[in-house]
Protein backbone atom coordinates (compact mmCIF):
# COMPACT_ATOMS: atom_id res chain seq x y z
CA UNK A 1 -15.60 3.44 9.07
CA UNK A 2 -12.93 0.99 7.95
CA UNK A 3 -11.73 -1.68 10.38
CA UNK A 4 -8.12 -1.97 11.51
CA UNK A 5 -7.74 -5.19 9.49
CA UNK A 6 -8.91 -3.40 6.35
CA UNK A 7 -6.53 -0.50 6.96
CA UNK A 8 -3.63 -2.92 7.54
CA UNK A 9 -4.44 -4.84 4.35
CA UNK A 10 -4.68 -1.62 2.34
CA UNK A 11 -1.35 -0.42 3.72
CA UNK A 12 0.31 -3.75 2.87
CA UNK A 13 -0.96 -3.52 -0.70
CA UNK A 14 0.13 0.12 -0.92
CA UNK A 15 3.60 -0.83 0.31
CA UNK A 16 3.94 -3.54 -2.31
CA UNK A 17 2.72 -1.25 -5.09
CA UNK A 18 5.13 1.50 -4.05
CA UNK A 19 8.00 -0.99 -3.88
CA UNK A 20 7.02 -2.32 -7.30
CA UNK A 21 7.19 1.14 -8.87
CA UNK A 22 10.51 1.91 -7.18
CA UNK A 23 12.13 -1.34 -8.27
CA UNK A 24 10.77 -1.06 -11.79
CA UNK A 25 12.60 2.24 -12.07
CA UNK A 26 15.91 0.33 -11.63
CA UNK A 27 14.88 -2.72 -13.65
CA UNK A 28 16.57 -1.36 -16.78
CA UNK A 29 19.86 -1.36 -14.91
CA UNK A 30 19.22 -4.90 -13.75
CA UNK A 31 18.41 -6.05 -17.29
CA UNK A 32 21.45 -4.33 -18.77
CA UNK A 33 23.67 -5.86 -16.08
CA UNK A 34 22.22 -9.33 -16.69
CA UNK A 35 22.72 -9.14 -20.47
CA UNK A 36 26.16 -7.56 -20.21
CA UNK A 37 27.27 -10.08 -17.59
CA UNK A 38 26.07 -13.00 -19.69
CA UNK A 39 27.86 -11.53 -22.72
CA UNK A 40 31.13 -11.15 -20.85
CA UNK A 41 30.92 -14.73 -19.58
CA UNK A 42 30.13 -15.92 -23.09
CA UNK A 43 33.13 -14.08 -24.53
CA UNK A 44 35.34 -15.49 -21.79
CA UNK A 45 34.12 -18.96 -22.67
CA UNK A 46 35.37 -18.45 -26.21
CA UNK A 47 38.90 -18.50 -24.81
CA UNK A 48 38.33 -22.12 -23.76
CA UNK A 49 38.77 -24.72 -26.53
CA UNK A 50 35.62 -26.21 -28.09
CA UNK A 51 32.92 -24.06 -26.45
CA UNK A 52 29.55 -25.82 -26.40
CA UNK A 53 26.04 -24.52 -27.20
CA UNK A 54 27.47 -21.23 -28.43
CA UNK A 55 24.56 -20.13 -30.62
CA UNK A 56 21.98 -21.19 -28.09
CA UNK A 57 23.72 -19.02 -25.52
CA UNK A 58 23.76 -16.10 -27.95
CA UNK A 59 20.00 -16.51 -28.51
CA UNK A 60 19.46 -16.39 -24.74
CA UNK A 61 20.80 -12.81 -24.60
CA UNK A 62 17.80 -11.12 -26.32
CA UNK A 63 15.49 -13.42 -24.34
CA UNK A 64 17.09 -12.14 -21.12
CA UNK A 65 16.61 -8.57 -22.33
CA UNK A 66 12.95 -9.32 -23.12
CA UNK A 67 12.28 -10.66 -19.63
CA UNK A 68 14.01 -7.62 -18.14
CA UNK A 69 11.75 -5.39 -20.23
CA UNK A 70 8.75 -7.33 -18.89
CA UNK A 71 9.90 -6.41 -15.37
CA UNK A 72 9.62 -2.73 -16.26
CA UNK A 73 6.17 -3.20 -17.81
CA UNK A 74 4.78 -5.63 -15.20
CA UNK A 75 1.23 -4.54 -14.25
CA UNK A 76 1.23 -6.24 -10.85
CA UNK A 77 3.51 -7.51 -8.09
CA UNK A 78 2.84 -11.09 -9.17
CA UNK A 79 3.73 -10.41 -12.81
CA UNK A 80 6.82 -8.53 -11.66
CA UNK A 81 8.00 -11.53 -9.63
CA UNK A 82 7.42 -13.94 -12.53
CA UNK A 83 9.42 -11.69 -14.89
CA UNK A 84 12.29 -11.44 -12.39
CA UNK A 85 12.39 -15.23 -11.97
CA UNK A 86 12.37 -15.69 -15.75
CA UNK A 87 15.30 -13.27 -16.07
CA UNK A 88 17.30 -15.14 -13.44
CA UNK A 89 16.45 -18.47 -15.05
CA UNK A 90 17.81 -17.37 -18.45
CA UNK A 91 21.01 -16.01 -16.87
CA UNK A 92 21.49 -19.21 -14.85
CA UNK A 93 20.67 -21.41 -17.84
CA UNK A 94 23.25 -19.50 -19.88
CA UNK A 95 25.83 -20.15 -17.19
CA UNK A 96 24.79 -23.80 -17.07
CA UNK A 97 25.36 -24.19 -20.83
CA UNK A 98 28.73 -22.48 -20.48
CA UNK A 99 29.79 -24.90 -17.75
CA UNK A 100 28.99 -27.95 -19.86
CA UNK A 101 32.07 -29.47 -21.41
CA UNK A 102 34.52 -27.97 -18.95
CA UNK A 103 36.81 -30.09 -16.80
CA UNK A 104 35.21 -28.79 -13.59
CA UNK A 105 31.68 -27.60 -14.39
CA UNK A 106 30.79 -27.33 -10.71
CA UNK A 107 33.58 -24.84 -10.12
CA UNK A 108 32.69 -22.99 -13.31
CA UNK A 109 29.06 -22.53 -12.28
CA UNK A 110 29.86 -21.54 -8.70
CA UNK A 111 30.18 -17.77 -9.43
CA UNK A 112 26.66 -17.72 -10.87
CA UNK A 113 25.31 -19.70 -7.91
CA UNK A 114 26.69 -17.11 -5.50
CA UNK A 115 26.58 -13.82 -7.39
CA UNK A 116 23.05 -14.18 -8.81
CA UNK A 117 21.30 -14.85 -5.48
CA UNK A 118 23.31 -12.15 -3.68
CA UNK A 119 22.88 -9.49 -6.36
CA UNK A 120 19.12 -9.99 -6.57
CA UNK A 121 18.35 -10.22 -2.85
CA UNK A 122 17.14 -6.60 -2.76
CA UNK A 123 14.98 -7.01 -5.86
CA UNK A 124 12.28 -9.24 -4.36
CA UNK A 125 9.08 -7.77 -2.96
CA UNK A 126 7.84 -10.88 -1.14
CA UNK A 127 9.53 -13.83 0.55
CA UNK A 128 7.85 -16.17 -1.94
CA UNK A 129 9.53 -14.29 -4.79
CA UNK A 130 12.92 -14.65 -3.13
CA UNK A 131 12.38 -18.40 -2.80
CA UNK A 132 11.31 -18.63 -6.45
CA UNK A 133 14.33 -16.64 -7.59
CA UNK A 134 16.72 -18.82 -5.59
CA UNK A 135 15.15 -21.96 -7.05
CA UNK A 136 15.38 -20.54 -10.57
CA UNK A 137 19.13 -20.20 -10.04
CA UNK A 138 19.91 -23.38 -8.12
CA UNK A 139 17.91 -25.69 -10.34
CA UNK A 140 20.83 -25.40 -12.78
CA UNK A 141 23.37 -25.80 -9.98
CA UNK A 142 22.05 -29.14 -8.73
CA UNK A 143 22.98 -31.24 -11.80
CA UNK A 144 26.63 -30.44 -11.19
CA UNK A 145 26.32 -31.14 -7.47
CA UNK A 146 24.80 -34.54 -8.21
CA UNK A 147 27.36 -35.33 -10.90
CA UNK A 148 29.31 -38.37 -9.67
CA UNK A 149 32.27 -37.32 -11.82
CA UNK A 150 32.88 -34.30 -9.61
CA UNK A 151 35.43 -34.73 -6.87
CA UNK A 152 34.28 -34.72 -3.28
CA UNK A 153 36.53 -31.73 -2.56
CA UNK A 154 34.94 -29.68 -5.36
CA UNK A 155 31.44 -30.68 -4.30
CA UNK A 156 31.93 -29.83 -0.62
CA UNK A 157 33.69 -26.58 -1.48
CA UNK A 158 31.02 -25.43 -3.94
CA UNK A 159 28.02 -26.48 -1.85
CA UNK A 160 29.49 -24.70 1.17
CA UNK A 161 29.95 -21.40 -0.67
CA UNK A 162 26.61 -21.68 -2.44
CA UNK A 163 24.89 -22.26 0.91
CA UNK A 164 26.70 -19.30 2.43
CA UNK A 165 25.54 -17.14 -0.48
CA UNK A 166 21.98 -18.40 -0.07
CA UNK A 167 21.90 -17.65 3.67
CA UNK A 168 23.48 -14.22 3.14
CA UNK A 169 20.94 -13.47 0.40
CA UNK A 170 18.09 -14.50 2.68
CA UNK A 171 19.29 -12.32 5.57
CA UNK A 172 19.91 -9.41 3.20
CA UNK A 173 16.43 -9.76 1.75
CA UNK A 174 14.83 -9.68 5.20
CA UNK A 175 16.94 -6.72 6.33
CA UNK A 176 16.22 -4.75 3.20
CA UNK A 177 12.51 -5.51 3.47
CA UNK A 178 12.50 -4.44 7.12
CA UNK A 179 14.28 -1.18 6.30
CA UNK A 180 12.01 -0.45 3.35
CA UNK A 181 8.88 -1.24 5.35
CA UNK A 182 9.96 1.02 8.21
CA UNK A 183 10.66 3.83 5.74
CA UNK A 184 7.27 3.28 4.11
CA UNK A 185 5.47 3.28 7.47
CA UNK A 186 7.22 6.52 8.38
CA UNK A 187 6.09 8.08 5.10
CA UNK A 188 2.55 6.93 5.82
CA UNK A 189 2.61 8.42 9.30
CA UNK A 190 3.89 11.73 7.95
CA UNK A 191 1.20 11.70 5.27
CA UNK A 192 -1.48 10.90 7.83
CA UNK A 193 -0.44 13.92 9.88
CA UNK A 194 -1.45 16.13 6.97
CA UNK A 195 -4.56 14.11 6.11
CA UNK A 196 -6.04 13.43 9.54
CA UNK A 197 -6.77 15.33 12.71
CA UNK A 198 -4.28 14.12 15.33
CA UNK A 199 -6.69 14.58 18.24
CA UNK A 200 -9.72 12.71 16.91
CA UNK A 201 -8.40 10.61 14.02
CA UNK A 202 -10.98 12.17 11.69
CA UNK A 203 -9.94 13.43 8.28
CA UNK A 204 -8.70 17.00 8.06
CA UNK A 205 -10.97 19.53 6.40
CA UNK A 206 -8.88 19.63 3.21
CA UNK A 207 -8.72 15.83 2.88
CA UNK A 208 -12.41 15.45 3.68
CA UNK A 209 -13.37 17.89 0.95
CA UNK A 210 -11.00 16.18 -1.49
CA UNK A 211 -12.60 12.79 -0.84
CA UNK A 212 -16.05 14.35 -0.96
CA UNK A 213 -15.32 15.76 -4.42
CA UNK A 214 -14.23 12.30 -5.62
CA UNK A 215 -17.34 10.72 -4.12
CA UNK A 216 -19.51 13.34 -5.84
CA UNK A 217 -18.00 12.43 -9.22
CA UNK A 218 -18.77 8.74 -8.61
CA UNK A 219 -22.31 9.54 -7.44
CA UNK A 220 -23.04 11.61 -10.53
CA UNK A 221 -21.61 8.93 -12.83
CA UNK A 222 -23.83 6.24 -11.29
CA UNK A 223 -26.82 8.47 -10.52
CA UNK A 224 -26.52 7.47 -6.85
CA UNK A 225 -27.47 9.48 -3.78
CA UNK A 226 -24.87 11.36 -1.75
CA UNK A 227 -25.66 13.16 1.51
CA UNK A 228 -23.68 15.29 3.95
CA UNK A 229 -24.37 15.18 7.69
CA UNK A 230 -23.05 18.25 9.52
CA UNK A 231 -22.59 17.84 13.31
CA UNK A 232 -21.82 20.52 15.88
CA UNK A 233 -21.40 19.92 19.63
CA UNK A 234 -23.77 22.05 21.69
CA UNK A 235 -22.34 24.54 24.22
CA UNK A 236 -18.78 23.44 23.55
CA UNK A 237 -17.27 26.82 24.45
CA UNK A 238 -19.01 26.64 27.83
CA UNK A 239 -17.38 23.25 28.40
CA UNK A 240 -13.88 24.56 27.60
CA UNK A 241 -14.34 27.71 29.67
CA UNK A 242 -15.73 25.88 32.67
CA UNK A 243 -13.66 22.70 32.73
CA UNK A 244 -10.60 23.40 30.62
CA UNK A 245 -9.52 22.36 27.16
CA UNK A 246 -8.45 18.90 28.36
CA UNK A 247 -12.09 18.13 29.15
CA UNK A 248 -13.08 19.45 25.73
CA UNK A 249 -10.46 17.29 24.03
CA UNK A 250 -11.75 14.21 25.87
CA UNK A 251 -15.28 14.89 24.60
CA UNK A 252 -14.00 15.33 21.05
CA UNK A 253 -12.14 12.02 21.22
CA UNK A 254 -15.18 10.28 22.70
CA UNK A 255 -17.42 11.65 19.97
CA UNK A 256 -14.97 10.52 17.30
CA UNK A 257 -14.81 6.99 18.70
CA UNK A 258 -18.60 6.68 18.70
CA UNK A 259 -18.86 7.89 15.11
CA UNK A 260 -16.09 5.63 13.82
CA UNK A 261 -17.76 2.61 15.38
CA UNK A 262 -21.26 3.50 14.19
CA UNK A 263 -20.51 4.46 10.58
CA UNK A 264 -20.10 2.16 7.58
CA UNK A 265 -16.78 1.41 5.92
CA UNK A 266 -17.87 3.49 2.93
CA UNK A 267 -18.75 6.57 5.02
CA UNK A 268 -16.20 9.38 5.24
CA UNK A 269 -15.76 11.22 8.55
CA UNK A 270 -13.96 14.55 8.86
CA UNK A 271 -13.36 17.31 11.39
CA UNK A 272 -14.03 20.68 9.80
CA UNK A 273 -12.74 22.69 12.73
CA UNK A 274 -13.23 23.11 16.48
CA UNK A 275 -16.30 21.14 17.52
CA UNK A 276 -17.68 20.81 13.97
CA UNK A 277 -17.66 17.47 12.15
CA UNK A 278 -19.09 16.25 8.87
CA UNK A 279 -19.96 12.79 7.60
CA UNK A 280 -20.14 11.93 3.92
CA UNK A 281 -22.80 9.30 3.27
CA UNK A 282 -22.54 7.63 -0.16
CA UNK A 283 -25.68 5.88 -1.47
CA UNK A 284 -27.81 7.48 1.27
CA UNK A 285 -30.64 9.92 0.69
CA UNK A 286 -31.72 12.60 3.15
CA UNK A 287 -34.42 10.40 4.70
CA UNK A 288 -31.96 7.64 5.62
CA UNK A 289 -29.43 10.22 6.75
CA UNK A 290 -32.06 11.67 9.10
CA UNK A 291 -32.60 8.25 10.69
CA UNK A 292 -28.83 7.83 11.08
CA UNK A 293 -28.46 11.29 12.64
CA UNK A 294 -31.10 10.55 15.28
CA UNK A 295 -29.44 7.23 16.08
CA UNK A 296 -26.08 8.98 16.44
CA UNK A 297 -27.61 11.54 18.80
CA UNK A 298 -28.67 8.68 21.07
CA UNK A 299 -25.24 7.06 20.96
CA UNK A 300 -23.41 10.35 21.56
CA UNK A 301 -25.52 11.06 24.64
CA UNK A 302 -23.56 8.29 26.36
CA UNK A 303 -20.20 10.06 25.87
CA UNK A 304 -19.05 11.40 29.27
CA UNK A 305 -19.21 15.18 29.63
CA UNK A 306 -18.44 16.87 32.99
CA UNK A 307 -21.10 19.58 32.69
CA UNK A 308 -24.01 17.41 31.60
CA UNK A 309 -25.16 15.25 28.73
CA UNK A 310 -23.41 15.49 25.37
CA UNK A 311 -25.78 16.77 22.69
CA UNK A 312 -25.23 17.79 19.09
CA UNK A 313 -27.06 19.86 16.53
CA UNK A 314 -27.09 18.35 13.05
CA UNK A 315 -27.83 19.52 9.53
CA UNK A 316 -28.46 17.30 6.50
CA UNK A 317 -28.16 18.12 2.80
CA UNK A 318 -28.18 15.84 -0.22
CA UNK A 319 -26.10 16.55 -3.31
CA UNK A 320 -28.22 18.19 -5.99
CA UNK A 321 -27.85 18.07 -9.75
CA UNK A 322 -25.18 20.53 -10.92
CA UNK A 323 -24.23 21.42 -7.35
CA UNK A 324 -20.68 21.41 -6.00
CA UNK A 325 -19.74 19.72 -2.74
CA UNK A 326 -18.95 23.13 -1.25
CA UNK A 327 -22.50 24.27 -2.00
CA UNK A 328 -23.98 21.11 -0.48
CA UNK A 329 -21.80 21.60 2.61
CA UNK A 330 -23.02 25.18 2.91
CA UNK A 331 -26.66 24.04 2.84
CA UNK A 332 -25.91 21.38 5.48
CA UNK A 333 -24.27 24.09 7.59
CA UNK A 334 -27.37 26.30 7.28
CA UNK A 335 -29.55 23.37 8.31
CA UNK A 336 -27.32 22.82 11.35
CA UNK A 337 -27.68 26.48 12.31
CA UNK A 338 -31.48 26.11 12.18
CA UNK A 339 -31.13 23.13 14.53
CA UNK A 340 -29.21 25.41 16.91
CA UNK A 341 -31.90 28.07 16.68
CA UNK A 342 -34.58 25.44 17.30
CA UNK A 343 -33.12 24.75 20.73
CA UNK A 344 -30.17 22.46 19.93
CA UNK A 345 -30.04 18.68 20.35
CA UNK A 346 -32.00 18.22 17.15
CA UNK A 347 -31.61 17.52 13.43
CA UNK A 348 -32.74 19.68 10.51
CA UNK A 349 -32.83 18.82 6.82
CA UNK A 350 -31.88 21.47 4.27
CA UNK A 351 -34.86 23.25 2.77
CA UNK A 352 -35.61 23.87 -0.88
CA UNK A 353 -34.80 27.56 -0.53
CA UNK A 354 -31.27 26.94 0.78
């Protein structure tokens, strides 16, 4: 079974991929806003005598739209972040060109230095992307800050407001990320309730069969072995009747813990109902599954049970050519029933006639 570190890493990646898809759905709005905003600023600059770099700024508009389109089509979180930074860089560079030639370029660029970082704070998936986006904006702000021709009053005023915008953007980014992550974790927990058994942590019957069907497709495509191990606790009803369902639940949890520790990351473990469990064993034939089943019987014997030693009856069936998972499961179930009839606490492999 998968380790907690693996599960955490998978969930982190799933969160980023979900956030990527959600943000890409609004990227068209972001791109349209960026192009429209740059156009409005450009038109406003025409009201000022002798505008500089006019045609270069016009050429930046389709480039901004192209980068925004790349956000929508980004295949990964990393590519998404690079496209976002490129979009911000073109918008900021456009503002930088517009500020050149004005009497107070620092004041002219200040709106971009504050609005851009604030408006995009929610659009970053990782902290590194937020840092990159802020740098893409402020790299065009620094030349005006370092310009000795600027008055001290203008410099202090602009740096103060730019810093306030940067801090506010940073806090907003962290808050938004925290809110989104909590919402994502809640979605995952709700999904897990329908996919897993809350008592044992094993997969539900429906989810187990769904994953088994997917594994069967992979096994057939690669001509690999695939085996089902059907486990049933012996005399479980006697345990519940004699010691209560709480004692039965404790045994079920103990059995689940042993199995999750003993199985491989690639193995799939599900609870089919009551005291019946099934393990999907990719790349394992019936002979190796038999050895595993006997080892599990030894490990499960150590699980505390108030009315004696915990024993299980097990049935094994390998996926056959042209056979569905449901048919393989049925043969494993029949093999388990033969183990019951043979006196319990034993393992049977499905026969050719099954």
